[in-house]
C-alpha cells in the first residue's frame, strides 16, 4: 500500500532553516508528481510546492517563493523541502502528498514551529 513518511520538522528561530524529507513506498515513485502541503492551526491545508515526476518542473505558493526549494531523489524514493529564511507564519504541520490512479494519499505530517 502507498505510504508516505515525513521527517525533519522541529523548532527553529525566525530566519533559520529546516529540511523536510518524505520517504515514499508502495507505488512507482518516479512516475508521479509529488507535493508538500501545510496546515496552520485553525486554517485550511494549503499547497506549498509541487515537483514533477522527473524533477524538471517545480511550482511554489507565492508565500514561499525564493525561500523554499522542493527536490526529489527518485533512486531513494524521497522528496525534500528545503526551507530557508523561515518566518513565524511558516509555523504549521507539513504534509507530503501524492495522487496515485486518482486517489490522494497523505503522510502523517511533521510539525514545524518557527519561534524565538
PDB file of N, CA and C in Angstrom:
ATOM      1  N   UNK A   1       0.836  -1.179   0.000  1.00  0.00           N
ATOM      2  CA  UNK A   1       0.000   0.000   0.000  1.00  0.00           C
ATOM      3  C   UNK A   1       0.884   1.247   0.000  1.00  0.00           C
ATOM      4  N   UNK A   2       0.288   2.346  -0.436  1.00  0.00           N
ATOM      5  CA  UNK A   2       1.009   3.610  -0.500  1.00  0.00           C
ATOM      6  C   UNK A   2       1.292   4.100   0.912  1.00  0.00           C
ATOM      7  N   UNK A   3       2.543   4.439   1.154  1.00  0.00           N
ATOM      8  CA  UNK A   3       2.941   5.026   2.430  1.00  0.00           C
ATOM      9  C   UNK A   3       3.836   6.223   2.185  1.00  0.00           C
ATOM     10  N   UNK A   4       3.581   7.278   2.946  1.00  0.00           N
ATOM     11  CA  UNK A   4       4.392   8.485   2.921  1.00  0.00           C
ATOM     12  C   UNK A   4       4.774   8.805   4.352  1.00  0.00           C
ATOM     13  N   UNK A   5       6.069   8.954   4.608  1.00  0.00           N
ATOM     14  CA  UNK A   5       6.537   9.202   5.971  1.00  0.00           C
ATOM     15  C   UNK A   5       7.414  10.449   5.971  1.00  0.00           C
ATOM     16  N   UNK A   6       6.895  11.500   6.601  1.00  0.00           N
ATOM     17  CA  UNK A   6       7.630  12.761   6.691  1.00  0.00           C
ATOM     18  C   UNK A   6       8.542  12.773   7.909  1.00  0.00           C
ATOM     19  N   UNK A   7       9.612  13.548   7.801  1.00  0.00           N
ATOM     20  CA  UNK A   7      10.520  13.757   8.924  1.00  0.00           C
ATOM     21  C   UNK A   7      11.235  15.085   8.731  1.00  0.00           C
ATOM     22  N   UNK A   8      11.904  15.537   9.790  1.00  0.00           N
ATOM     23  CA  UNK A   8      12.722  16.733   9.689  1.00  0.00           C
ATOM     24  C   UNK A   8      12.151  17.988  10.305  1.00  0.00           C
ATOM     25  N   UNK A   9      10.926  17.906  10.797  1.00  0.00           N
ATOM     26  CA  UNK A   9      10.346  19.076  11.434  1.00  0.00           C
ATOM     27  C   UNK A   9      10.984  19.365  12.779  1.00  0.00           C
ATOM     28  N   UNK A  10      10.599  20.499  13.356  1.00  0.00           N
ATOM     29  CA  UNK A  10      11.125  20.864  14.663  1.00  0.00           C
ATOM     30  C   UNK A  10      10.914  22.323  14.962  1.00  0.00           C
ATOM     31  N   UNK A  11      11.599  22.772  16.004  1.00  0.00           N
ATOM     32  CA  UNK A  11      11.545  24.165  16.434  1.00  0.00           C
ATOM     33  C   UNK A  11      12.764  24.895  15.889  1.00  0.00           C
ATOM     34  N   UNK A  12      12.512  26.034  15.246  1.00  0.00           N
ATOM     35  CA  UNK A  12      13.599  26.813  14.669  1.00  0.00           C
ATOM     36  C   UNK A  12      13.314  28.291  14.883  1.00  0.00           C
ATOM     37  N   UNK A  13      14.358  29.074  15.016  1.00  0.00           N
ATOM     38  CA  UNK A  13      14.197  30.514  15.196  1.00  0.00           C
ATOM     39  C   UNK A  13      13.890  31.193  13.867  1.00  0.00           C
ATOM     40  N   UNK A  14      13.227  32.325  13.909  1.00  0.00           N
ATOM     41  CA  UNK A  14      12.993  33.087  12.670  1.00  0.00           C
ATOM     42  C   UNK A  14      14.315  33.349  11.958  1.00  0.00           C
ATOM     43  N   UNK A  15      14.275  33.176  10.626  1.00  0.00           N
ATOM     44  CA  UNK A  15      15.486  33.322   9.834  1.00  0.00           C
ATOM     45  C   UNK A  15      16.268  32.037   9.654  1.00  0.00           C
ATOM     46  N   UNK A  16      15.893  31.014  10.388  1.00  0.00           N
ATOM     47  CA  UNK A  16      16.597  29.747  10.316  1.00  0.00           C
ATOM     48  C   UNK A  16      16.140  28.876   9.161  1.00  0.00           C
ATOM     49  N   UNK A  17      16.692  27.663   9.128  1.00  0.00           N
ATOM     50  CA  UNK A  17      16.412  26.737   8.038  1.00  0.00           C
ATOM     51  C   UNK A  17      16.069  25.352   8.578  1.00  0.00           C
ATOM     52  N   UNK A  18      15.274  24.636   7.794  1.00  0.00           N
ATOM     53  CA  UNK A  18      14.981  23.233   8.050  1.00  0.00           C
ATOM     54  C   UNK A  18      14.883  22.517   6.716  1.00  0.00           C
ATOM     55  N   UNK A  19      15.163  21.228   6.734  1.00  0.00           N
ATOM     56  CA  UNK A  19      14.982  20.396   5.557  1.00  0.00           C
ATOM     57  C   UNK A  19      14.051  19.248   5.906  1.00  0.00           C
ATOM     58  N   UNK A  20      12.912  19.219   5.265  1.00  0.00           N
ATOM     59  CA  UNK A  20      11.956  18.138   5.453  1.00  0.00           C
ATOM     60  C   UNK A  20      12.194  17.047   4.429  1.00  0.00           C
ATOM     61  N   UNK A  21      11.935  15.816   4.844  1.00  0.00           N
ATOM     62  CA  UNK A  21      12.036  14.663   3.938  1.00  0.00           C
ATOM     63  C   UNK A  21      10.725  13.894   3.969  1.00  0.00           C
ATOM     64  N   UNK A  22      10.436  13.258   2.855  1.00  0.00           N
ATOM     65  CA  UNK A  22       9.259  12.394   2.761  1.00  0.00           C
ATOM     66  C   UNK A  22       9.676  11.118   2.043  1.00  0.00           C
ATOM     67  N   UNK A  23       9.692  10.026   2.776  1.00  0.00           N
ATOM     68  CA  UNK A  23      10.044   8.731   2.200  1.00  0.00           C
ATOM     69  C   UNK A  23       8.778   8.031   1.718  1.00  0.00           C
ATOM     70  N   UNK A  24       8.791   7.634   0.458  1.00  0.00           N
ATOM     71  CA  UNK A  24       7.600   7.048  -0.156  1.00  0.00           C
ATOM     72  C   UNK A  24       7.808   5.563  -0.446  1.00  0.00           C
ATOM     73  N   UNK A  25       6.722   4.808  -0.382  1.00  0.00           N
ATOM     74  CA  UNK A  25       6.768   3.390  -0.724  1.00  0.00           C
ATOM     75  C   UNK A  25       5.385   2.932  -1.164  1.00  0.00           C
ATOM     76  N   UNK A  26       5.344   1.781  -1.824  1.00  0.00           N
ATOM     77  CA  UNK A  26       4.072   1.191  -2.215  1.00  0.00           C
ATOM     78  C   UNK A  26       3.562   1.614  -3.578  1.00  0.00           C
ATOM     79  N   UNK A  27       4.327   2.412  -4.290  1.00  0.00           N
ATOM     80  CA  UNK A  27       3.961   2.811  -5.648  1.00  0.00           C
ATOM     81  C   UNK A  27       5.248   3.162  -6.411  1.00  0.00           C
ATOM     82  N   UNK A  28       5.101   3.327  -7.729  1.00  0.00           N
ATOM     83  CA  UNK A  28       6.263   3.642  -8.564  1.00  0.00           C
ATOM     84  C   UNK A  28       6.544   5.128  -8.461  1.00  0.00           C
ATOM     85  N   UNK A  29       7.366   5.470  -7.496  1.00  0.00           N
ATOM     86  CA  UNK A  29       7.627   6.866  -7.117  1.00  0.00           C
ATOM     87  C   UNK A  29       8.025   7.723  -8.310  1.00  0.00           C
ATOM     88  N   UNK A  30       8.862   7.187  -9.178  1.00  0.00           N
ATOM     89  CA  UNK A  30       9.488   8.002 -10.224  1.00  0.00           C
ATOM     90  C   UNK A  30       8.526   8.471 -11.311  1.00  0.00           C
ATOM     91  N   UNK A  31       7.293   7.999 -11.320  1.00  0.00           N
ATOM     92  CA  UNK A  31       6.381   8.414 -12.393  1.00  0.00           C
ATOM     93  C   UNK A  31       5.285   9.348 -11.900  1.00  0.00           C
ATOM     94  N   UNK A  32       5.347   9.745 -10.624  1.00  0.00           N
ATOM     95  CA  UNK A  32       4.310  10.612 -10.063  1.00  0.00           C
ATOM     96  C   UNK A  32       4.872  11.936  -9.557  1.00  0.00           C
ATOM     97  N   UNK A  33       4.109  13.003  -9.836  1.00  0.00           N
ATOM     98  CA  UNK A  33       4.418  14.278  -9.208  1.00  0.00           C
ATOM     99  C   UNK A  33       4.179  14.164  -7.706  1.00  0.00           C
ATOM    100  N   UNK A  34       4.926  14.947  -6.960  1.00  0.00           N
ATOM    101  CA  UNK A  34       4.809  14.956  -5.506  1.00  0.00           C
ATOM    102  C   UNK A  34       4.605  16.390  -5.032  1.00  0.00           C
ATOM    103  N   UNK A  35       3.926  16.520  -3.907  1.00  0.00           N
ATOM    104  CA  UNK A  35       3.642  17.847  -3.385  1.00  0.00           C
ATOM    105  C   UNK A  35       3.857  17.900  -1.883  1.00  0.00           C
ATOM    106  N   UNK A  36       4.117  19.109  -1.413  1.00  0.00           N
ATOM    107  CA  UNK A  36       4.109  19.424   0.013  1.00  0.00           C
ATOM    108  C   UNK A  36       2.954  20.399   0.271  1.00  0.00           C
ATOM    109  N   UNK A  37       2.219  20.115   1.322  1.00  0.00           N
ATOM    110  CA  UNK A  37       1.163  20.992   1.808  1.00  0.00           C
ATOM    111  C   UNK A  37       1.487  21.363   3.247  1.00  0.00           C
ATOM    112  N   UNK A  38       0.786  22.357   3.757  1.00  0.00           N
ATOM    113  CA  UNK A  38       0.913  22.694   5.178  1.00  0.00           C
ATOM    114  C   UNK A  38      -0.423  23.153   5.718  1.00  0.00           C
ATOM    115  N   UNK A  39      -0.588  22.940   7.018  1.00  0.00           N
ATOM    116  CA  UNK A  39      -1.812  23.352   7.692  1.00  0.00           C
ATOM    117  C   UNK A  39      -1.459  24.004   9.008  1.00  0.00           C
ATOM    118  N   UNK A  40      -1.745  25.290   9.095  1.00  0.00           N
ATOM    119  CA  UNK A  40      -1.529  26.038  10.325  1.00  0.00           C
ATOM    120  C   UNK A  40      -2.741  25.858  11.244  1.00  0.00           C
ATOM    121  N   UNK A  41      -2.555  26.071  12.542  1.00  0.00           N
ATOM    122  CA  UNK A  41      -3.677  25.906  13.481  1.00  0.00           C
ATOM    123  C   UNK A  41      -4.884  26.755  13.096  1.00  0.00           C
ATOM    124  N   UNK A  42      -6.038  26.126  12.997  1.00  0.00           N
ATOM    125  CA  UNK A  42      -7.260  26.837  12.684  1.00  0.00           C
ATOM    126  C   UNK A  42      -7.443  27.227  11.236  1.00  0.00           C
ATOM    127  N   UNK A  43      -6.539  26.746  10.372  1.00  0.00           N
ATOM    128  CA  UNK A  43      -6.609  27.119   8.963  1.00  0.00           C
ATOM    129  C   UNK A  43      -6.723  25.874   8.075  1.00  0.00           C
ATOM    130  N   UNK A  44      -7.042  26.116   6.818  1.00  0.00           N
ATOM    131  CA  UNK A  44      -7.140  25.016   5.864  1.00  0.00           C
ATOM    132  C   UNK A  44      -5.749  24.541   5.455  1.00  0.00           C
ATOM    133  N   UNK A  45      -5.717  23.340   4.892  1.00  0.00           N
ATOM    134  CA  UNK A  45      -4.469  22.799   4.375  1.00  0.00           C
ATOM    135  C   UNK A  45      -4.194  23.439   3.012  1.00  0.00           C
ATOM    136  N   UNK A  46      -3.019  24.017   2.853  1.00  0.00           N
ATOM    137  CA  UNK A  46      -2.658  24.749   1.640  1.00  0.00           C
ATOM    138  C   UNK A  46      -1.477  24.112   0.926  1.00  0.00           C
ATOM    139  N   UNK A  47      -1.500  24.218  -0.392  1.00  0.00           N
ATOM    140  CA  UNK A  47      -0.394  23.724  -1.199  1.00  0.00           C
ATOM    141  C   UNK A  47       0.823  24.632  -1.038  1.00  0.00           C
ATOM    142  N   UNK A  48       1.983  24.022  -0.802  1.00  0.00           N
ATOM    143  CA  UNK A  48       3.226  24.774  -0.652  1.00  0.00           C
ATOM    144  C   UNK A  48       4.080  24.675  -1.921  1.00  0.00           C
ATOM    145  N   UNK A  49       4.277  23.436  -2.390  1.00  0.00           N
ATOM    146  CA  UNK A  49       5.155  23.240  -3.549  1.00  0.00           C
ATOM    147  C   UNK A  49       4.843  21.907  -4.212  1.00  0.00           C
ATOM    148  N   UNK A  50       5.101  21.841  -5.506  1.00  0.00           N
ATOM    149  CA  UNK A  50       4.906  20.631  -6.294  1.00  0.00           C
ATOM    150  C   UNK A  50       6.111  20.418  -7.185  1.00  0.00           C
ATOM    151  N   UNK A  51       6.460  19.148  -7.392  1.00  0.00           N
ATOM    152  CA  UNK A  51       7.567  18.806  -8.287  1.00  0.00           C
ATOM    153  C   UNK A  51       7.104  17.703  -9.234  1.00  0.00           C
ATOM    154  N   UNK A  52       7.500  17.829 -10.489  1.00  0.00           N
ATOM    155  CA  UNK A  52       7.111  16.841 -11.482  1.00  0.00           C
ATOM    156  C   UNK A  52       7.834  15.516 -11.253  1.00  0.00           C
ATOM    157  N   UNK A  53       7.423  14.498 -11.991  1.00  0.00           N
ATOM    158  CA  UNK A  53       7.945  13.159 -11.746  1.00  0.00           C
ATOM    159  C   UNK A  53       9.463  13.060 -11.902  1.00  0.00           C
ATOM    160  N   UNK A  54      10.012  13.741 -12.904  1.00  0.00           N
ATOM    161  CA  UNK A  54      11.455  13.693 -13.126  1.00  0.00           C
ATOM    162  C   UNK A  54      12.184  14.828 -12.425  1.00  0.00           C
ATOM    163  N   UNK A  55      11.426  15.717 -11.827  1.00  0.00           N
ATOM    164  CA  UNK A  55      12.036  16.821 -11.083  1.00  0.00           C
ATOM    165  C   UNK A  55      12.331  18.063 -11.896  1.00  0.00           C
ATOM    166  N   UNK A  56      11.959  18.053 -13.162  1.00  0.00           N
ATOM    167  CA  UNK A  56      12.313  19.176 -14.015  1.00  0.00           C
ATOM    168  C   UNK A  56      11.437  20.392 -13.876  1.00  0.00           C
ATOM    169  N   UNK A  57      10.248  20.212 -13.290  1.00  0.00           N
ATOM    170  CA  UNK A  57       9.311  21.321 -13.139  1.00  0.00           C
ATOM    171  C   UNK A  57       8.885  21.425 -11.681  1.00  0.00           C
ATOM    172  N   UNK A  58       8.972  22.635 -11.157  1.00  0.00           N
ATOM    173  CA  UNK A  58       8.541  22.890  -9.779  1.00  0.00           C
ATOM    174  C   UNK A  58       7.626  24.108  -9.756  1.00  0.00           C
ATOM    175  N   UNK A  59       6.736  24.115  -8.806  1.00  0.00           N
ATOM    176  CA  UNK A  59       5.836  25.244  -8.594  1.00  0.00           C
ATOM    177  C   UNK A  59       5.723  25.512  -7.102  1.00  0.00           C
ATOM    178  N   UNK A  60       5.559  26.796  -6.763  1.00  0.00           N
ATOM    179  CA  UNK A  60       5.535  27.195  -5.359  1.00  0.00           C
ATOM    180  C   UNK A  60       4.384  28.154  -5.093  1.00  0.00           C
ATOM    181  N   UNK A  61       3.898  28.095  -3.877  1.00  0.00           N
ATOM    182  CA  UNK A  61       2.975  29.122  -3.413  1.00  0.00           C
ATOM    183  C   UNK A  61       3.725  30.449  -3.349  1.00  0.00           C
ATOM    184  N   UNK A  62       3.033  31.527  -3.610  1.00  0.00           N
ATOM    185  CA  UNK A  62       3.674  32.843  -3.605  1.00  0.00           C
ATOM    186  C   UNK A  62       4.340  33.137  -2.268  1.00  0.00           C
ATOM    187  N   UNK A  63       3.762  32.646  -1.199  1.00  0.00           N
ATOM    188  CA  UNK A  63       4.255  32.952   0.146  1.00  0.00           C
ATOM    189  C   UNK A  63       5.621  32.324   0.439  1.00  0.00           C
ATOM    190  N   UNK A  64       6.038  31.332  -0.349  1.00  0.00           N
ATOM    191  CA  UNK A  64       7.312  30.663  -0.072  1.00  0.00           C
ATOM    192  C   UNK A  64       8.318  30.796  -1.212  1.00  0.00           C
ATOM    193  N   UNK A  65       7.922  31.417  -2.299  1.00  0.00           N
ATOM    194  CA  UNK A  65       8.838  31.570  -3.447  1.00  0.00           C
ATOM    195  C   UNK A  65      10.102  32.289  -3.037  1.00  0.00           C
ATOM    196  N   UNK A  66      11.236  31.739  -3.462  1.00  0.00           N
ATOM    197  CA  UNK A  66      12.522  32.336  -3.142  1.00  0.00           C
ATOM    198  C   UNK A  66      13.083  31.904  -1.804  1.00  0.00           C
ATOM    199  N   UNK A  67      12.270  31.236  -0.997  1.00  0.00           N
ATOM    200  CA  UNK A  67      12.731  30.781   0.329  1.00  0.00           C
ATOM    201  C   UNK A  67      12.747  29.250   0.437  1.00  0.00           C
ATOM    202  N   UNK A  68      11.791  28.603  -0.202  1.00  0.00           N
ATOM    203  CA  UNK A  68      11.670  27.136  -0.123  1.00  0.00           C
ATOM    204  C   UNK A  68      12.081  26.524  -1.459  1.00  0.00           C
ATOM    205  N   UNK A  69      12.647  25.323  -1.385  1.00  0.00           N
ATOM    206  CA  UNK A  69      13.017  24.569  -2.582  1.00  0.00           C
ATOM    207  C   UNK A  69      12.566  23.118  -2.441  1.00  0.00           C
ATOM    208  N   UNK A  70      11.776  22.660  -3.395  1.00  0.00           N
ATOM    209  CA  UNK A  70      11.361  21.261  -3.419  1.00  0.00           C
ATOM    210  C   UNK A  70      12.291  20.505  -4.361  1.00  0.00           C
ATOM    211  N   UNK A  71      12.662  19.300  -3.962  1.00  0.00           N
ATOM    212  CA  UNK A  71      13.512  18.457  -4.798  1.00  0.00           C
ATOM    213  C   UNK A  71      13.162  16.999  -4.538  1.00  0.00           C
ATOM    214  N   UNK A  72      13.709  16.119  -5.355  1.00  0.00           N
ATOM    215  CA  UNK A  72      13.428  14.696  -5.173  1.00  0.00           C
ATOM    216  C   UNK A  72      14.622  13.870  -5.601  1.00  0.00           C
ATOM    217  N   UNK A  73      14.700  12.687  -5.018  1.00  0.00           N
ATOM    218  CA  UNK A  73      15.714  11.706  -5.390  1.00  0.00           C
ATOM    219  C   UNK A  73      14.966  10.426  -5.741  1.00  0.00           C
ATOM    220  N   UNK A  74      14.789  10.168  -7.013  1.00  0.00           N
ATOM    221  CA  UNK A  74      13.999   9.016  -7.428  1.00  0.00           C
ATOM    222  C   UNK A  74      14.700   7.687  -7.114  1.00  0.00           C
ATOM    223  N   UNK A  75      15.989   7.714  -6.935  1.00  0.00           N
ATOM    224  CA  UNK A  75      16.702   6.494  -6.545  1.00  0.00           C
ATOM    225  C   UNK A  75      16.418   6.128  -5.092  1.00  0.00           C
ATOM    226  N   UNK A  76      16.074   7.143  -4.301  1.00  0.00           N
ATOM    227  CA  UNK A  76      15.792   6.923  -2.879  1.00  0.00           C
ATOM    228  C   UNK A  76      14.312   6.996  -2.550  1.00  0.00           C
ATOM    229  N   UNK A  77      13.476   7.214  -3.575  1.00  0.00           N
ATOM    230  CA  UNK A  77      12.028   7.355  -3.345  1.00  0.00           C
ATOM    231  C   UNK A  77      11.729   8.400  -2.276  1.00  0.00           C
ATOM    232  N   UNK A  78      12.392   9.522  -2.382  1.00  0.00           N
ATOM    233  CA  UNK A  78      12.274  10.560  -1.352  1.00  0.00           C
ATOM    234  C   UNK A  78      12.111  11.931  -1.998  1.00  0.00           C
ATOM    235  N   UNK A  79      11.228  12.716  -1.400  1.00  0.00           N
ATOM    236  CA  UNK A  79      11.060  14.112  -1.806  1.00  0.00           C
ATOM    237  C   UNK A  79      11.424  14.989  -0.613  1.00  0.00           C
ATOM    238  N   UNK A  80      12.014  16.142  -0.910  1.00  0.00           N
ATOM    239  CA  UNK A  80      12.533  17.029   0.126  1.00  0.00           C
ATOM    240  C   UNK A  80      11.890  18.413   0.007  1.00  0.00           C
ATOM    241  N   UNK A  81      11.925  19.121   1.115  1.00  0.00           N
ATOM    242  CA  UNK A  81      11.551  20.529   1.117  1.00  0.00           C
ATOM    243  C   UNK A  81      12.582  21.283   1.950  1.00  0.00           C
ATOM    244  N   UNK A  82      13.437  22.014   1.263  1.00  0.00           N
ATOM    245  CA  UNK A  82      14.421  22.868   1.935  1.00  0.00           C
ATOM    246  C   UNK A  82      13.763  24.207   2.230  1.00  0.00           C
ATOM    247  N   UNK A  83      13.729  24.576   3.496  1.00  0.00           N
ATOM    248  CA  UNK A  83      13.062  25.800   3.920  1.00  0.00           C
ATOM    249  C   UNK A  83      14.091  26.741   4.538  1.00  0.00           C
ATOM    250  N   UNK A  84      14.288  27.880   3.908  1.00  0.00           N
ATOM    251  CA  UNK A  84      15.228  28.887   4.392  1.00  0.00           C
ATOM    252  C   UNK A  84      14.483  30.162   4.775  1.00  0.00           C
ATOM    253  N   UNK A  85      15.166  31.018   5.508  1.00  0.00           N
ATOM    254  CA  UNK A  85      14.589  32.306   5.923  1.00  0.00           C
ATOM    255  C   UNK A  85      13.199  32.116   6.512  1.00  0.00           C
ATOM    256  N   UNK A  86      13.096  31.195   7.417  1.00  0.00           N
ATOM    257  CA  UNK A  86      11.788  30.846   7.973  1.00  0.00           C
ATOM    258  C   UNK A  86      11.203  32.003   8.769  1.00  0.00           C
ATOM    259  N   UNK A  87       9.875  32.108   8.681  1.00  0.00           N
ATOM    260  CA  UNK A  87       9.122  33.146   9.369  1.00  0.00           C
ATOM    261  C   UNK A  87       8.121  32.500  10.313  1.00  0.00           C
ATOM    262  N   UNK A  88       7.635  33.280  11.261  1.00  0.00           N
ATOM    263  CA  UNK A  88       6.658  32.736  12.203  1.00  0.00           C
ATOM    264  C   UNK A  88       5.417  32.220  11.466  1.00  0.00           C
ATOM    265  N   UNK A  89       5.073  32.853  10.379  1.00  0.00           N
ATOM    266  CA  UNK A  89       3.883  32.428   9.635  1.00  0.00           C
ATOM    267  C   UNK A  89       4.084  31.109   8.874  1.00  0.00           C
ATOM    268  N   UNK A  90       5.304  30.582   8.887  1.00  0.00           N
ATOM    269  CA  UNK A  90       5.545  29.255   8.304  1.00  0.00           C
ATOM    270  C   UNK A  90       5.218  28.138   9.294  1.00  0.00           C
ATOM    271  N   UNK A  91       4.918  28.503  10.528  1.00  0.00           N
ATOM    272  CA  UNK A  91       4.549  27.510  11.530  1.00  0.00           C
ATOM    273  C   UNK A  91       3.314  26.738  11.088  1.00  0.00           C
ATOM    274  N   UNK A  92       3.443  25.419  11.028  1.00  0.00           N
ATOM    275  CA  UNK A  92       2.354  24.567  10.542  1.00  0.00           C
ATOM    276  C   UNK A  92       2.784  23.115  10.625  1.00  0.00           C
ATOM    277  N   UNK A  93       1.826  22.236  10.390  1.00  0.00           N
ATOM    278  CA  UNK A  93       2.146  20.838  10.139  1.00  0.00           C
ATOM    279  C   UNK A  93       2.314  20.684   8.632  1.00  0.00           C
ATOM    280  N   UNK A  94       3.422  20.098   8.227  1.00  0.00           N
ATOM    281  CA  UNK A  94       3.734  19.938   6.816  1.00  0.00           C
ATOM    282  C   UNK A  94       3.475  18.487   6.389  1.00  0.00           C
ATOM    283  N   UNK A  95       2.758  18.351   5.274  1.00  0.00           N
ATOM    284  CA  UNK A  95       2.354  17.042   4.774  1.00  0.00           C
ATOM    285  C   UNK A  95       2.897  16.805   3.368  1.00  0.00           C
ATOM    286  N   UNK A  96       3.292  15.583   3.147  1.00  0.00           N
ATOM    287  CA  UNK A  96       3.659  15.100   1.828  1.00  0.00           C
ATOM    288  C   UNK A  96       2.401  14.527   1.172  1.00  0.00           C
ATOM    289  N   UNK A  97       2.258  14.709  -0.151  1.00  0.00           N
ATOM    290  CA  UNK A  97       1.050  14.258  -0.838  1.00  0.00           C
ATOM    291  C   UNK A  97       1.368  13.717  -2.216  1.00  0.00           C
ATOM    292  N   UNK A  98       0.621  12.675  -2.599  1.00  0.00           N
ATOM    293  CA  UNK A  98       0.709  12.146  -3.953  1.00  0.00           C
ATOM    294  C   UNK A  98      -0.678  11.682  -4.390  1.00  0.00           C
ATOM    295  N   UNK A  99      -0.942  11.813  -5.671  1.00  0.00           N
ATOM    296  CA  UNK A  99      -2.190  11.288  -6.237  1.00  0.00           C
ATOM    297  C   UNK A  99      -1.821  10.123  -7.143  1.00  0.00           C
ATOM    298  N   UNK A 100      -2.266   8.941  -6.752  1.00  0.00           N
ATOM    299  CA  UNK A 100      -1.957   7.718  -7.492  1.00  0.00           C
ATOM    300  C   UNK A 100      -3.252   7.123  -8.011  1.00  0.00           C
ATOM    301  N   UNK A 101      -3.355   7.026  -9.339  1.00  0.00           N
ATOM    302  CA  UNK A 101      -4.545   6.485 -10.007  1.00  0.00           C
ATOM    303  C   UNK A 101      -5.801   7.131  -9.431  1.00  0.00           C
ATOM    304  N   UNK A 102      -5.765   8.455  -9.368  1.00  0.00           N
ATOM    305  CA  UNK A 102      -6.942   9.217  -8.979  1.00  0.00           C
ATOM    306  C   UNK A 102      -7.223   9.292  -7.497  1.00  0.00           C
ATOM    307  N   UNK A 103      -6.446   8.621  -6.682  1.00  0.00           N
ATOM    308  CA  UNK A 103      -6.669   8.656  -5.244  1.00  0.00           C
ATOM    309  C   UNK A 103      -5.532   9.434  -4.579  1.00  0.00           C
ATOM    310  N   UNK A 104      -5.923  10.277  -3.644  1.00  0.00           N
ATOM    311  CA  UNK A 104      -4.972  11.136  -2.972  1.00  0.00           C
ATOM    312  C   UNK A 104      -4.475  10.458  -1.681  1.00  0.00           C
ATOM    313  N   UNK A 105      -3.179  10.516  -1.471  1.00  0.00           N
ATOM    314  CA  UNK A 105      -2.569   9.938  -0.274  1.00  0.00           C
ATOM    315  C   UNK A 105      -1.775  11.009   0.460  1.00  0.00           C
ATOM    316  N   UNK A 106      -1.789  10.901   1.804  1.00  0.00           N
ATOM    317  CA  UNK A 106      -1.087  11.847   2.672  1.00  0.00           C
ATOM    318  C   UNK A 106      -0.203  11.106   3.645  1.00  0.00           C
ATOM    319  N   UNK A 107       0.875  11.775   4.048  1.00  0.00           N
ATOM    320  CA  UNK A 107       1.646  11.292   5.166  1.00  0.00           C
ATOM    321  C   UNK A 107       1.006  11.732   6.474  1.00  0.00           C
ATOM    322  N   UNK A 108       1.683  11.417   7.577  1.00  0.00           N
ATOM    323  CA  UNK A 108       1.138  11.757   8.899  1.00  0.00           C
ATOM    324  C   UNK A 108       1.448  13.192   9.291  1.00  0.00           C
ATOM    325  N   UNK A 109       2.365  13.807   8.569  1.00  0.00           N
ATOM    326  CA  UNK A 109       2.728  15.193   8.837  1.00  0.00           C
ATOM    327  C   UNK A 109       3.914  15.322   9.774  1.00  0.00           C
ATOM    328  N   UNK A 110       4.602  16.451   9.650  1.00  0.00           N
ATOM    329  CA  UNK A 110       5.699  16.791  10.556  1.00  0.00           C
ATOM    330  C   UNK A 110       5.541  18.244  10.969  1.00  0.00           C
ATOM    331  N   UNK A 111       5.659  18.494  12.259  1.00  0.00           N
ATOM    332  CA  UNK A 111       5.394  19.821  12.817  1.00  0.00           C
ATOM    333  C   UNK A 111       6.614  20.727  12.646  1.00  0.00           C
ATOM    334  N   UNK A 112       6.361  21.918  12.160  1.00  0.00           N
ATOM    335  CA  UNK A 112       7.386  22.960  12.082  1.00  0.00           C
ATOM    336  C   UNK A 112       6.908  24.145  12.911  1.00  0.00           C
ATOM    337  N   UNK A 113       7.734  24.557  13.859  1.00  0.00           N
ATOM    338  CA  UNK A 113       7.420  25.716  14.698  1.00  0.00           C
ATOM    339  C   UNK A 113       8.549  26.719  14.543  1.00  0.00           C
ATOM    340  N   UNK A 114       8.186  27.910  14.111  1.00  0.00           N
ATOM    341  CA  UNK A 114       9.162  28.979  13.943  1.00  0.00           C
ATOM    342  C   UNK A 114       8.899  30.007  15.041  1.00  0.00           C
ATOM    343  N   UNK A 115       9.815  30.078  15.979  1.00  0.00           N
ATOM    344  CA  UNK A 115       9.598  30.941  17.135  1.00  0.00           C
ATOM    345  C   UNK A 115      10.932  31.255  17.798  1.00  0.00           C
ATOM    346  N   UNK A 116      11.000  32.449  18.362  1.00  0.00           N
ATOM    347  CA  UNK A 116      12.198  32.829  19.107  1.00  0.00           C
ATOM    348  C   UNK A 116      12.035  32.501  20.591  1.00  0.00           C
TER     349      UNK A 116
END
